[in-house]
Amino acid sequence: MSWKGMPGAMGVANWEIWKSIDFATNHFGVKKEEILLGARKTPPDVEWCKVYIYYNGGGAEFWIRRNGSWVNWCYLEQ
């Protein structure tokens, strides 16, 4: 299995990455190929991905694309 990502996510344990990917596919209903892994605070300007997983000190933040813009799902009111 392969996925696209940025070098900043290299310090994250494999099990954490797979756990985050599984969460994103189940919760947001996206394919693994539509997820981008990274270590930048803001998602890059790419059209192909629907979920951006940002690793911040070992924790994952999930950014989702809504109405053509990125929204940090972790800060949305529930």
N, C-alpha and C. Protein backbone atom coordinates (compact mmCIF):
# COMPACT_ATOMS: atom_id res chain seq x y z
N MET A 1 0.84 -1.18 0.00
CA MET A 1 0.00 0.00 0.00
C MET A 1 0.88 1.23 0.00
N SER A 2 0.54 2.19 -0.80
CA SER A 2 1.29 3.45 -0.80
C SER A 2 0.32 4.61 -0.75
N TRP A 3 0.79 5.72 -0.23
CA TRP A 3 0.01 6.93 -0.20
C TRP A 3 0.96 8.09 -0.38
N LYS A 4 0.42 9.23 -0.72
CA LYS A 4 1.24 10.41 -0.92
C LYS A 4 1.38 11.16 0.39
N GLY A 5 2.50 11.80 0.58
CA GLY A 5 2.70 12.55 1.80
C GLY A 5 3.97 13.38 1.74
N MET A 6 4.18 14.13 2.78
CA MET A 6 5.34 15.00 2.86
C MET A 6 6.35 14.44 3.85
N PRO A 7 7.62 14.80 3.71
CA PRO A 7 8.66 14.25 4.57
C PRO A 7 8.45 14.51 6.05
N GLY A 8 7.74 15.55 6.45
CA GLY A 8 7.55 15.87 7.86
C GLY A 8 6.83 14.79 8.64
N ALA A 9 6.08 13.96 7.98
CA ALA A 9 5.34 12.90 8.67
C ALA A 9 6.22 11.68 8.94
N MET A 10 7.47 11.72 8.53
CA MET A 10 8.34 10.56 8.67
C MET A 10 8.62 10.20 10.13
N GLY A 11 8.56 11.17 11.06
CA GLY A 11 8.84 10.89 12.46
C GLY A 11 7.69 10.26 13.22
N VAL A 12 6.58 10.04 12.57
CA VAL A 12 5.39 9.47 13.20
C VAL A 12 5.43 7.95 13.05
N ALA A 13 5.08 7.25 14.12
CA ALA A 13 5.07 5.78 14.08
C ALA A 13 4.06 5.28 13.06
N ASN A 14 4.40 4.17 12.39
CA ASN A 14 3.53 3.60 11.36
C ASN A 14 2.14 3.31 11.89
N TRP A 15 2.02 2.78 13.09
CA TRP A 15 0.70 2.44 13.62
C TRP A 15 -0.15 3.70 13.81
N GLU A 16 0.49 4.84 14.15
CA GLU A 16 -0.27 6.08 14.29
C GLU A 16 -0.78 6.57 12.93
N ILE A 17 0.06 6.43 11.92
CA ILE A 17 -0.34 6.84 10.58
C ILE A 17 -1.53 6.00 10.11
N TRP A 18 -1.44 4.68 10.26
CA TRP A 18 -2.53 3.80 9.82
C TRP A 18 -3.80 4.05 10.62
N LYS A 19 -3.66 4.34 11.91
CA LYS A 19 -4.81 4.64 12.74
C LYS A 19 -5.50 5.92 12.25
N SER A 20 -4.71 6.93 11.91
CA SER A 20 -5.27 8.19 11.40
C SER A 20 -5.93 7.99 10.04
N ILE A 21 -5.30 7.20 9.18
CA ILE A 21 -5.87 6.93 7.86
C ILE A 21 -7.18 6.16 7.99
N ASP A 22 -7.20 5.16 8.85
CA ASP A 22 -8.43 4.39 9.07
C ASP A 22 -9.54 5.29 9.61
N PHE A 23 -9.21 6.17 10.54
CA PHE A 23 -10.20 7.09 11.07
C PHE A 23 -10.76 7.97 9.96
N ALA A 24 -9.88 8.54 9.14
CA ALA A 24 -10.31 9.44 8.06
C ALA A 24 -11.20 8.72 7.04
N THR A 25 -10.82 7.49 6.67
CA THR A 25 -11.63 6.77 5.68
C THR A 25 -13.00 6.43 6.25
N ASN A 26 -13.06 6.05 7.50
CA ASN A 26 -14.35 5.69 8.12
C ASN A 26 -15.20 6.90 8.46
N HIS A 27 -14.59 7.93 9.01
CA HIS A 27 -15.36 9.09 9.50
C HIS A 27 -15.75 10.04 8.38
N PHE A 28 -14.84 10.29 7.44
CA PHE A 28 -15.10 11.26 6.38
C PHE A 28 -15.55 10.61 5.07
N GLY A 29 -15.49 9.30 4.98
CA GLY A 29 -15.94 8.60 3.79
C GLY A 29 -15.08 8.84 2.57
N VAL A 30 -13.77 8.94 2.76
CA VAL A 30 -12.85 9.15 1.64
C VAL A 30 -12.03 7.89 1.40
N LYS A 31 -11.43 7.84 0.23
CA LYS A 31 -10.52 6.74 -0.10
C LYS A 31 -9.13 7.09 0.42
N LYS A 32 -8.31 6.08 0.63
CA LYS A 32 -6.94 6.32 1.09
C LYS A 32 -6.16 7.19 0.11
N GLU A 33 -6.48 7.08 -1.16
CA GLU A 33 -5.79 7.85 -2.18
C GLU A 33 -6.17 9.34 -2.15
N GLU A 34 -7.19 9.69 -1.39
CA GLU A 34 -7.64 11.08 -1.29
C GLU A 34 -7.14 11.76 -0.02
N ILE A 35 -6.18 11.12 0.67
CA ILE A 35 -5.63 11.63 1.91
C ILE A 35 -4.19 12.05 1.69
N LEU A 36 -3.83 13.21 2.22
CA LEU A 36 -2.47 13.70 2.16
C LEU A 36 -1.94 13.82 3.58
N LEU A 37 -0.75 13.25 3.82
CA LEU A 37 -0.09 13.33 5.13
C LEU A 37 0.93 14.45 5.09
N GLY A 38 1.10 15.15 6.21
CA GLY A 38 2.10 16.20 6.21
C GLY A 38 2.42 16.75 7.57
N ALA A 39 3.33 17.72 7.58
CA ALA A 39 3.76 18.35 8.82
C ALA A 39 3.68 19.87 8.73
N ARG A 40 3.05 20.39 7.72
CA ARG A 40 2.86 21.84 7.60
C ARG A 40 1.55 22.23 8.26
N LYS A 41 1.53 23.37 8.93
CA LYS A 41 0.33 23.79 9.66
C LYS A 41 -0.87 24.02 8.75
N THR A 42 -0.63 24.47 7.55
CA THR A 42 -1.74 24.69 6.62
C THR A 42 -1.61 23.73 5.45
N PRO A 43 -2.73 23.23 4.97
CA PRO A 43 -2.68 22.29 3.84
C PRO A 43 -2.14 22.96 2.59
N PRO A 44 -1.43 22.20 1.77
CA PRO A 44 -0.96 22.75 0.50
C PRO A 44 -2.12 22.94 -0.47
N ASP A 45 -1.88 23.74 -1.48
CA ASP A 45 -2.92 24.01 -2.47
C ASP A 45 -2.91 22.92 -3.54
N VAL A 46 -3.58 21.82 -3.24
CA VAL A 46 -3.71 20.72 -4.19
C VAL A 46 -5.18 20.37 -4.33
N GLU A 47 -5.57 19.96 -5.50
CA GLU A 47 -6.98 19.70 -5.78
C GLU A 47 -7.39 18.24 -5.57
N TRP A 48 -6.46 17.31 -5.64
CA TRP A 48 -6.82 15.90 -5.65
C TRP A 48 -7.20 15.35 -4.28
N CYS A 49 -6.76 15.98 -3.19
CA CYS A 49 -7.04 15.38 -1.88
C CYS A 49 -8.24 16.03 -1.19
N LYS A 50 -8.92 15.24 -0.38
CA LYS A 50 -10.10 15.70 0.34
C LYS A 50 -9.85 15.83 1.83
N VAL A 51 -8.82 15.13 2.34
CA VAL A 51 -8.45 15.19 3.75
C VAL A 51 -6.95 15.39 3.85
N TYR A 52 -6.54 16.32 4.69
CA TYR A 52 -5.13 16.56 4.97
C TYR A 52 -4.91 16.25 6.43
N ILE A 53 -3.98 15.35 6.73
CA ILE A 53 -3.67 14.98 8.10
C ILE A 53 -2.34 15.62 8.45
N TYR A 54 -2.40 16.54 9.41
CA TYR A 54 -1.23 17.30 9.85
C TYR A 54 -0.77 16.75 11.19
N TYR A 55 0.48 16.35 11.26
CA TYR A 55 1.03 15.82 12.50
C TYR A 55 1.71 16.94 13.27
N ASN A 56 1.19 17.22 14.46
CA ASN A 56 1.66 18.31 15.29
C ASN A 56 2.20 17.73 16.59
N GLY A 57 3.48 17.52 16.67
CA GLY A 57 4.08 16.97 17.88
C GLY A 57 3.58 15.59 18.23
N GLY A 58 3.31 14.78 17.24
CA GLY A 58 2.84 13.41 17.46
C GLY A 58 1.34 13.26 17.40
N GLY A 59 0.59 14.34 17.54
CA GLY A 59 -0.87 14.29 17.43
C GLY A 59 -1.31 14.64 16.02
N ALA A 60 -2.43 14.12 15.63
CA ALA A 60 -2.93 14.37 14.28
C ALA A 60 -4.06 15.40 14.30
N GLU A 61 -4.01 16.34 13.35
CA GLU A 61 -5.11 17.26 13.11
C GLU A 61 -5.66 16.93 11.73
N PHE A 62 -6.97 16.93 11.62
CA PHE A 62 -7.61 16.58 10.35
C PHE A 62 -8.19 17.84 9.71
N TRP A 63 -7.74 18.13 8.51
CA TRP A 63 -8.28 19.22 7.71
C TRP A 63 -9.14 18.60 6.63
N ILE A 64 -10.34 19.12 6.44
CA ILE A 64 -11.22 18.61 5.39
C ILE A 64 -11.56 19.74 4.43
N ARG A 65 -11.82 19.36 3.20
CA ARG A 65 -12.17 20.36 2.18
C ARG A 65 -13.68 20.55 2.19
N ARG A 66 -14.10 21.81 2.44
CA ARG A 66 -15.53 22.17 2.44
C ARG A 66 -15.73 23.38 1.56
N ASN A 67 -16.62 23.25 0.60
CA ASN A 67 -16.94 24.35 -0.32
C ASN A 67 -15.69 24.95 -0.94
N GLY A 68 -14.74 24.11 -1.30
CA GLY A 68 -13.52 24.56 -1.96
C GLY A 68 -12.46 25.13 -1.04
N SER A 69 -12.69 25.13 0.27
CA SER A 69 -11.72 25.66 1.23
C SER A 69 -11.37 24.59 2.26
N TRP A 70 -10.21 24.73 2.87
CA TRP A 70 -9.79 23.82 3.92
C TRP A 70 -10.34 24.29 5.26
N VAL A 71 -10.84 23.34 6.06
CA VAL A 71 -11.37 23.60 7.40
C VAL A 71 -10.72 22.62 8.35
N ASN A 72 -10.26 23.11 9.50
CA ASN A 72 -9.67 22.23 10.50
C ASN A 72 -10.80 21.56 11.26
N TRP A 73 -11.00 20.27 11.01
CA TRP A 73 -12.09 19.52 11.61
C TRP A 73 -11.97 19.47 13.14
N CYS A 74 -10.76 19.51 13.65
CA CYS A 74 -10.54 19.42 15.11
C CYS A 74 -11.09 20.63 15.85
N TYR A 75 -11.29 21.75 15.16
CA TYR A 75 -11.78 22.96 15.81
C TYR A 75 -13.23 23.28 15.48
N LEU A 76 -13.88 22.43 14.71
CA LEU A 76 -15.28 22.67 14.38
C LEU A 76 -16.15 22.45 15.62
N GLU A 77 -17.18 23.23 15.76
CA GLU A 77 -18.12 23.02 16.86
C GLU A 77 -18.91 21.76 16.57
N GLN A 78 -19.12 20.98 17.59
CA GLN A 78 -19.80 19.72 17.39
C GLN A 78 -21.20 19.77 17.91
